């Protein structure tokens, strides 16, 4: 079968030729919606793969090479997407395509999902031993400081001051750093898989558990589970939950400042910290 003719705007010809030499004829290339804008679904005669190209915009100081290092070390864990061996030799990441659905609010209520997520949160911190370190506090300050919207100037100033005044946990552990429902995949066998490892690094212990508490609908019992797994006291844990909320607000102010609920959520964050009455 002849090679599929694809426009260079989809994939560069030299990259396509390289992939076909190693994978066989590529029958179809589809750009993936959502998530990374530099990701494609590839289909050959025998398999489907997800290709991610370097965006030249590293997050947390990591690029595709560092993410590759993370995935190599974590490849023995059953909840990590398998990386294709060809990733070791190219300037890209190639994953085995996994059938499944991003976890919905309805699926979140399934009784088998929570124990699986707790297992991830227990196994991940020691699994990344020796992998890159990241200064999460410095990143949080930078992200808030980069808010440029004039209507958020007061919020930005107060949030930066709030960050400086906190007694931050000093313990370190390996974190995924972006845990929320959109990065959790439930396979057809009801197996939980964790996606998007480009942010993973060693930083504040308990950050992932706090992320789940902030970004996912958890019960009081589940929140108690998260505090226990974080190995922090309740005060330290709640501080990280507030920090995750602040990081999310900073992201919205930079990339979706017109989001309808942003002003209200920002005001609620300020009120909860006993700060000014307006943003």
Protein backbone atom coordinates (compact mmCIF):
# COMPACT_ATOMS: atom_id res chain seq x y z
CA UNK A 1 0.00 0.00 0.00
CA UNK A 2 1.33 3.45 -0.86
CA UNK A 3 2.27 5.92 1.85
CA UNK A 4 -0.49 8.34 2.81
CA UNK A 5 0.05 11.79 1.32
CA UNK A 6 -0.32 14.31 4.11
CA UNK A 7 0.10 18.10 4.03
CA UNK A 8 3.19 19.42 5.78
CA UNK A 9 0.90 21.50 7.97
CA UNK A 10 -0.25 18.24 9.60
CA UNK A 11 3.09 16.51 9.98
CA UNK A 12 6.42 17.40 8.42
CA UNK A 13 7.35 15.04 5.59
CA UNK A 14 10.67 14.05 7.11
CA UNK A 15 8.96 13.11 10.39
CA UNK A 16 6.24 11.19 8.57
CA UNK A 17 8.85 9.30 6.55
CA UNK A 18 10.81 8.47 9.69
CA UNK A 19 7.72 7.15 11.45
CA UNK A 20 6.69 5.04 8.47
CA UNK A 21 10.14 3.47 8.23
CA UNK A 22 9.72 2.18 11.78
CA UNK A 23 5.96 1.73 12.13
CA UNK A 24 4.88 0.78 8.63
CA UNK A 25 2.44 2.62 6.44
CA UNK A 26 0.49 5.31 8.30
CA UNK A 27 -3.09 5.08 7.11
CA UNK A 28 -4.57 8.01 8.99
CA UNK A 29 -3.51 11.05 11.01
CA UNK A 30 -6.03 12.92 13.16
CA UNK A 31 -5.21 15.90 15.30
CA UNK A 32 -6.51 15.34 18.80
CA UNK A 33 -9.05 17.81 20.11
CA UNK A 34 -8.47 19.32 23.53
CA UNK A 35 -5.38 18.97 25.66
CA UNK A 36 -2.16 19.42 23.77
CA UNK A 37 -2.47 21.15 20.45
CA UNK A 38 0.61 19.28 19.23
CA UNK A 39 -0.84 15.77 19.52
CA UNK A 40 -2.07 13.42 16.83
CA UNK A 41 -3.69 10.00 16.62
CA UNK A 42 -1.83 7.78 14.15
CA UNK A 43 -3.30 4.62 12.64
CA UNK A 44 -1.21 1.93 10.92
CA UNK A 45 -2.13 -1.54 9.67
CA UNK A 46 -1.51 -3.02 13.11
CA UNK A 47 -1.87 -0.37 15.80
CA UNK A 48 -3.05 3.06 16.88
CA UNK A 49 -0.64 5.47 18.53
CA UNK A 50 -0.70 8.97 20.00
CA UNK A 51 2.10 11.27 18.81
CA UNK A 52 3.07 14.33 20.80
CA UNK A 53 5.55 16.86 19.44
CA UNK A 54 7.63 19.28 21.47
CA UNK A 55 5.85 22.63 21.78
CA UNK A 56 9.02 24.57 22.55
CA UNK A 57 7.13 25.96 25.53
CA UNK A 58 8.36 23.89 28.49
CA UNK A 59 6.23 23.79 31.63
CA UNK A 60 7.93 23.56 35.01
CA UNK A 61 11.22 23.63 33.11
CA UNK A 62 10.39 20.26 31.52
CA UNK A 63 10.07 19.45 27.83
CA UNK A 64 9.31 16.24 25.95
CA UNK A 65 12.77 14.86 26.85
CA UNK A 66 12.11 15.20 30.57
CA UNK A 67 8.59 13.80 30.23
CA UNK A 68 10.15 10.85 28.44
CA UNK A 69 12.47 10.37 31.40
CA UNK A 70 9.49 10.37 33.76
CA UNK A 71 7.56 7.84 31.68
CA UNK A 72 10.58 5.56 31.38
CA UNK A 73 10.86 5.37 35.15
CA UNK A 74 7.12 4.94 35.74
CA UNK A 75 6.49 2.43 32.95
CA UNK A 76 6.09 -0.47 35.40
CA UNK A 77 3.04 1.13 37.01
CA UNK A 78 -0.30 -0.18 35.71
CA UNK A 79 -1.98 3.25 35.70
CA UNK A 80 0.57 4.93 33.39
CA UNK A 81 0.00 5.00 29.61
CA UNK A 82 2.59 2.86 27.80
CA UNK A 83 5.26 4.76 25.90
CA UNK A 84 6.28 3.32 22.53
CA UNK A 85 10.00 2.32 22.33
CA UNK A 86 10.45 4.59 19.31
CA UNK A 87 10.11 7.56 21.69
CA UNK A 88 13.61 6.81 23.00
CA UNK A 89 15.20 7.77 19.68
CA UNK A 90 13.16 10.71 18.42
CA UNK A 91 12.33 14.30 19.27
CA UNK A 92 8.77 13.38 20.13
CA UNK A 93 6.72 11.17 22.42
CA UNK A 94 4.77 8.23 21.12
CA UNK A 95 2.19 6.45 23.27
CA UNK A 96 0.15 3.33 22.76
CA UNK A 97 -3.44 4.44 22.17
CA UNK A 98 -5.67 3.32 25.02
CA UNK A 99 -9.38 2.79 24.50
CA UNK A 100 -11.42 4.49 27.17
CA UNK A 101 -13.23 7.63 28.26
CA UNK A 102 -12.11 10.66 30.21
CA UNK A 103 -13.72 10.34 33.63
CA UNK A 104 -17.08 12.09 33.76
CA UNK A 105 -18.92 13.31 36.84
CA UNK A 106 -21.19 10.27 36.56
CA UNK A 107 -18.26 7.85 36.33
CA UNK A 108 -16.60 9.62 39.24
CA UNK A 109 -19.35 8.21 41.46
CA UNK A 110 -18.52 4.60 40.58
CA UNK A 111 -17.39 2.79 43.77
CA UNK A 112 -14.41 1.13 42.06
CA UNK A 113 -12.80 4.39 40.93
CA UNK A 114 -11.91 6.00 44.27
CA UNK A 115 -9.80 3.08 45.59
CA UNK A 116 -7.88 3.08 42.30
CA UNK A 117 -7.15 6.81 42.59
CA UNK A 118 -6.03 6.43 46.19
CA UNK A 119 -3.62 3.72 45.06
CA UNK A 120 -2.16 6.12 42.48
CA UNK A 121 -1.70 8.80 45.15
CA UNK A 122 0.02 6.28 47.43
CA UNK A 123 2.33 4.80 44.81
CA UNK A 124 3.34 7.94 42.90
CA UNK A 125 5.40 9.91 45.47
CA UNK A 126 8.15 7.29 45.94
CA UNK A 127 7.99 6.15 42.29
CA UNK A 128 9.63 9.36 41.07
CA UNK A 129 12.70 9.16 43.29
CA UNK A 130 15.69 10.67 41.49
CA UNK A 131 13.61 12.48 38.87
CA UNK A 132 13.63 16.28 38.38
CA UNK A 133 12.89 18.71 41.22
CA UNK A 134 10.65 21.71 40.78
CA UNK A 135 10.13 24.78 42.96
CA UNK A 136 6.33 24.85 43.13
CA UNK A 137 6.23 27.95 45.31
CA UNK A 138 8.34 29.91 42.85
CA UNK A 139 6.11 28.73 40.02
CA UNK A 140 2.96 29.78 41.87
CA UNK A 141 4.42 33.24 42.50
CA UNK A 142 5.43 33.63 38.88
CA UNK A 143 2.04 32.51 37.60
CA UNK A 144 0.18 34.98 39.81
CA UNK A 145 2.66 37.74 39.02
CA UNK A 146 2.02 37.26 35.28
CA UNK A 147 -1.66 38.21 35.58
CA UNK A 148 -1.98 41.31 33.41
CA UNK A 149 -5.73 42.04 33.41
CA UNK A 150 -6.27 45.50 34.89
CA UNK A 151 -9.44 44.42 36.74
CA UNK A 152 -7.39 41.76 38.58
CA UNK A 153 -4.63 44.11 39.75
CA UNK A 154 -5.83 44.17 43.36
CA UNK A 155 -6.28 40.39 43.40
CA UNK A 156 -2.79 39.92 41.98
CA UNK A 157 -1.22 42.19 44.60
CA UNK A 158 -3.06 40.58 47.52
CA UNK A 159 -2.41 37.04 46.30
CA UNK A 160 1.34 37.66 46.03
CA UNK A 161 1.36 39.04 49.56
CA UNK A 162 -0.65 36.06 50.78
CA UNK A 163 1.88 33.64 49.26
CA UNK A 164 4.75 35.35 51.11
CA UNK A 165 2.97 35.18 54.46
CA UNK A 166 2.28 31.42 54.50
CA UNK A 167 4.26 28.74 56.31
CA UNK A 168 4.66 26.32 53.42
CA UNK A 169 5.32 22.57 53.88
CA UNK A 170 8.98 21.70 53.51
CA UNK A 171 8.54 18.00 52.77
CA UNK A 172 9.25 16.88 49.22
CA UNK A 173 7.60 14.18 47.10
CA UNK A 174 7.05 13.34 43.44
CA UNK A 175 3.82 14.83 42.00
CA UNK A 176 1.89 14.63 38.76
CA UNK A 177 0.92 18.31 39.31
CA UNK A 178 -2.16 18.33 37.06
CA UNK A 179 -4.61 15.84 38.52
CA UNK A 180 -8.25 16.51 37.61
CA UNK A 181 -11.01 14.57 35.87
CA UNK A 182 -9.86 15.48 32.34
CA UNK A 183 -6.52 13.79 32.99
CA UNK A 184 -8.06 10.57 34.28
CA UNK A 185 -9.02 7.90 31.74
CA UNK A 186 -11.29 4.96 32.48
CA UNK A 187 -10.64 2.01 30.19
CA UNK A 188 -13.34 -0.32 28.88
CA UNK A 189 -12.26 -2.73 31.65
CA UNK A 190 -12.91 0.02 34.22
CA UNK A 191 -9.19 0.43 34.84
CA UNK A 192 -8.02 3.91 35.83
CA UNK A 193 -5.18 5.46 33.82
CA UNK A 194 -3.45 8.81 34.42
CA UNK A 195 -2.70 11.04 31.42
CA UNK A 196 -0.47 14.07 30.69
CA UNK A 197 2.83 13.73 32.53
CA UNK A 198 4.58 16.83 31.16
CA UNK A 199 4.28 18.64 34.50
CA UNK A 200 5.51 15.77 36.71
CA UNK A 201 8.39 16.52 39.09
CA UNK A 202 9.43 16.42 42.74
CA UNK A 203 7.97 19.31 44.71
CA UNK A 204 5.79 19.95 47.76
CA UNK A 205 4.57 16.75 49.36
CA UNK A 206 0.79 16.43 49.16
CA UNK A 207 0.26 18.67 46.12
CA UNK A 208 -1.49 15.94 44.12
CA UNK A 209 -3.81 15.01 46.98
CA UNK A 210 -4.69 18.69 47.45
CA UNK A 211 -5.31 19.02 43.70
CA UNK A 212 -7.86 16.21 43.82
CA UNK A 213 -9.54 17.79 46.86
CA UNK A 214 -9.85 21.13 45.05
CA UNK A 215 -10.60 20.05 41.51
CA UNK A 216 -12.79 16.97 42.00
CA UNK A 217 -16.10 16.63 43.87
CA UNK A 218 -15.04 14.79 47.02
CA UNK A 219 -17.05 13.83 50.09
CA UNK A 220 -15.93 14.55 53.65
CA UNK A 221 -14.81 10.94 53.95
CA UNK A 222 -12.81 11.14 50.73
CA UNK A 223 -11.22 14.40 51.87
CA UNK A 224 -10.12 12.63 55.05
CA UNK A 225 -8.58 9.90 52.88
CA UNK A 226 -6.65 12.54 50.94
CA UNK A 227 -5.32 14.20 54.09
CA UNK A 228 -4.14 10.85 55.41
CA UNK A 229 -2.41 9.96 52.14
CA UNK A 230 -0.75 13.39 51.89
CA UNK A 231 1.10 12.72 55.17
CA UNK A 232 0.51 16.36 56.12
CA UNK A 233 -1.45 17.74 59.04
CA UNK A 234 -4.87 19.15 58.18
CA UNK A 235 -3.63 22.75 58.30
CA UNK A 236 -0.81 22.13 55.82
CA UNK A 237 -3.14 20.16 53.57
CA UNK A 238 -5.79 22.89 53.50
CA UNK A 239 -3.08 25.45 52.70
CA UNK A 240 -2.15 23.47 49.59
CA UNK A 241 -5.82 23.20 48.61
CA UNK A 242 -6.05 27.01 48.72
CA UNK A 243 -2.82 27.25 46.70
CA UNK A 244 -4.21 24.93 44.00
CA UNK A 245 -7.33 27.12 43.80
CA UNK A 246 -5.10 30.20 43.43
CA UNK A 247 -3.06 28.59 40.68
CA UNK A 248 -6.24 27.72 38.78
CA UNK A 249 -7.54 31.28 39.15
CA UNK A 250 -4.24 32.67 37.85
CA UNK A 251 -4.49 30.37 34.84
CA UNK A 252 -8.00 31.59 34.03
CA UNK A 253 -7.01 35.25 34.41
CA UNK A 254 -4.20 34.72 31.90
CA UNK A 255 -5.90 32.47 29.35
CA UNK A 256 -9.69 32.77 29.78
CA UNK A 257 -10.30 36.15 31.48
CA UNK A 258 -13.78 36.35 29.96
CA UNK A 259 -14.95 33.15 31.69
CA UNK A 260 -18.31 33.97 33.24
CA UNK A 261 -17.62 32.66 36.75
CA UNK A 262 -14.11 34.05 37.11
CA UNK A 263 -14.91 37.23 39.03
CA UNK A 264 -17.15 35.40 41.48
CA UNK A 265 -14.60 32.64 42.13
CA UNK A 266 -11.87 35.23 42.59
CA UNK A 267 -14.00 37.17 45.08
CA UNK A 268 -14.78 33.97 46.96
CA UNK A 269 -11.08 33.12 47.17
CA UNK A 270 -10.26 36.58 48.58
CA UNK A 271 -13.12 36.41 51.08
CA UNK A 272 -12.06 32.95 52.27
CA UNK A 273 -8.58 34.28 53.01
CA UNK A 274 -9.95 37.35 54.84
CA UNK A 275 -8.60 39.71 52.20
CA UNK A 276 -10.13 42.80 50.56
CA UNK A 277 -13.82 42.95 49.75
CA UNK A 278 -13.31 43.42 46.00
CA UNK A 279 -10.94 42.19 43.36
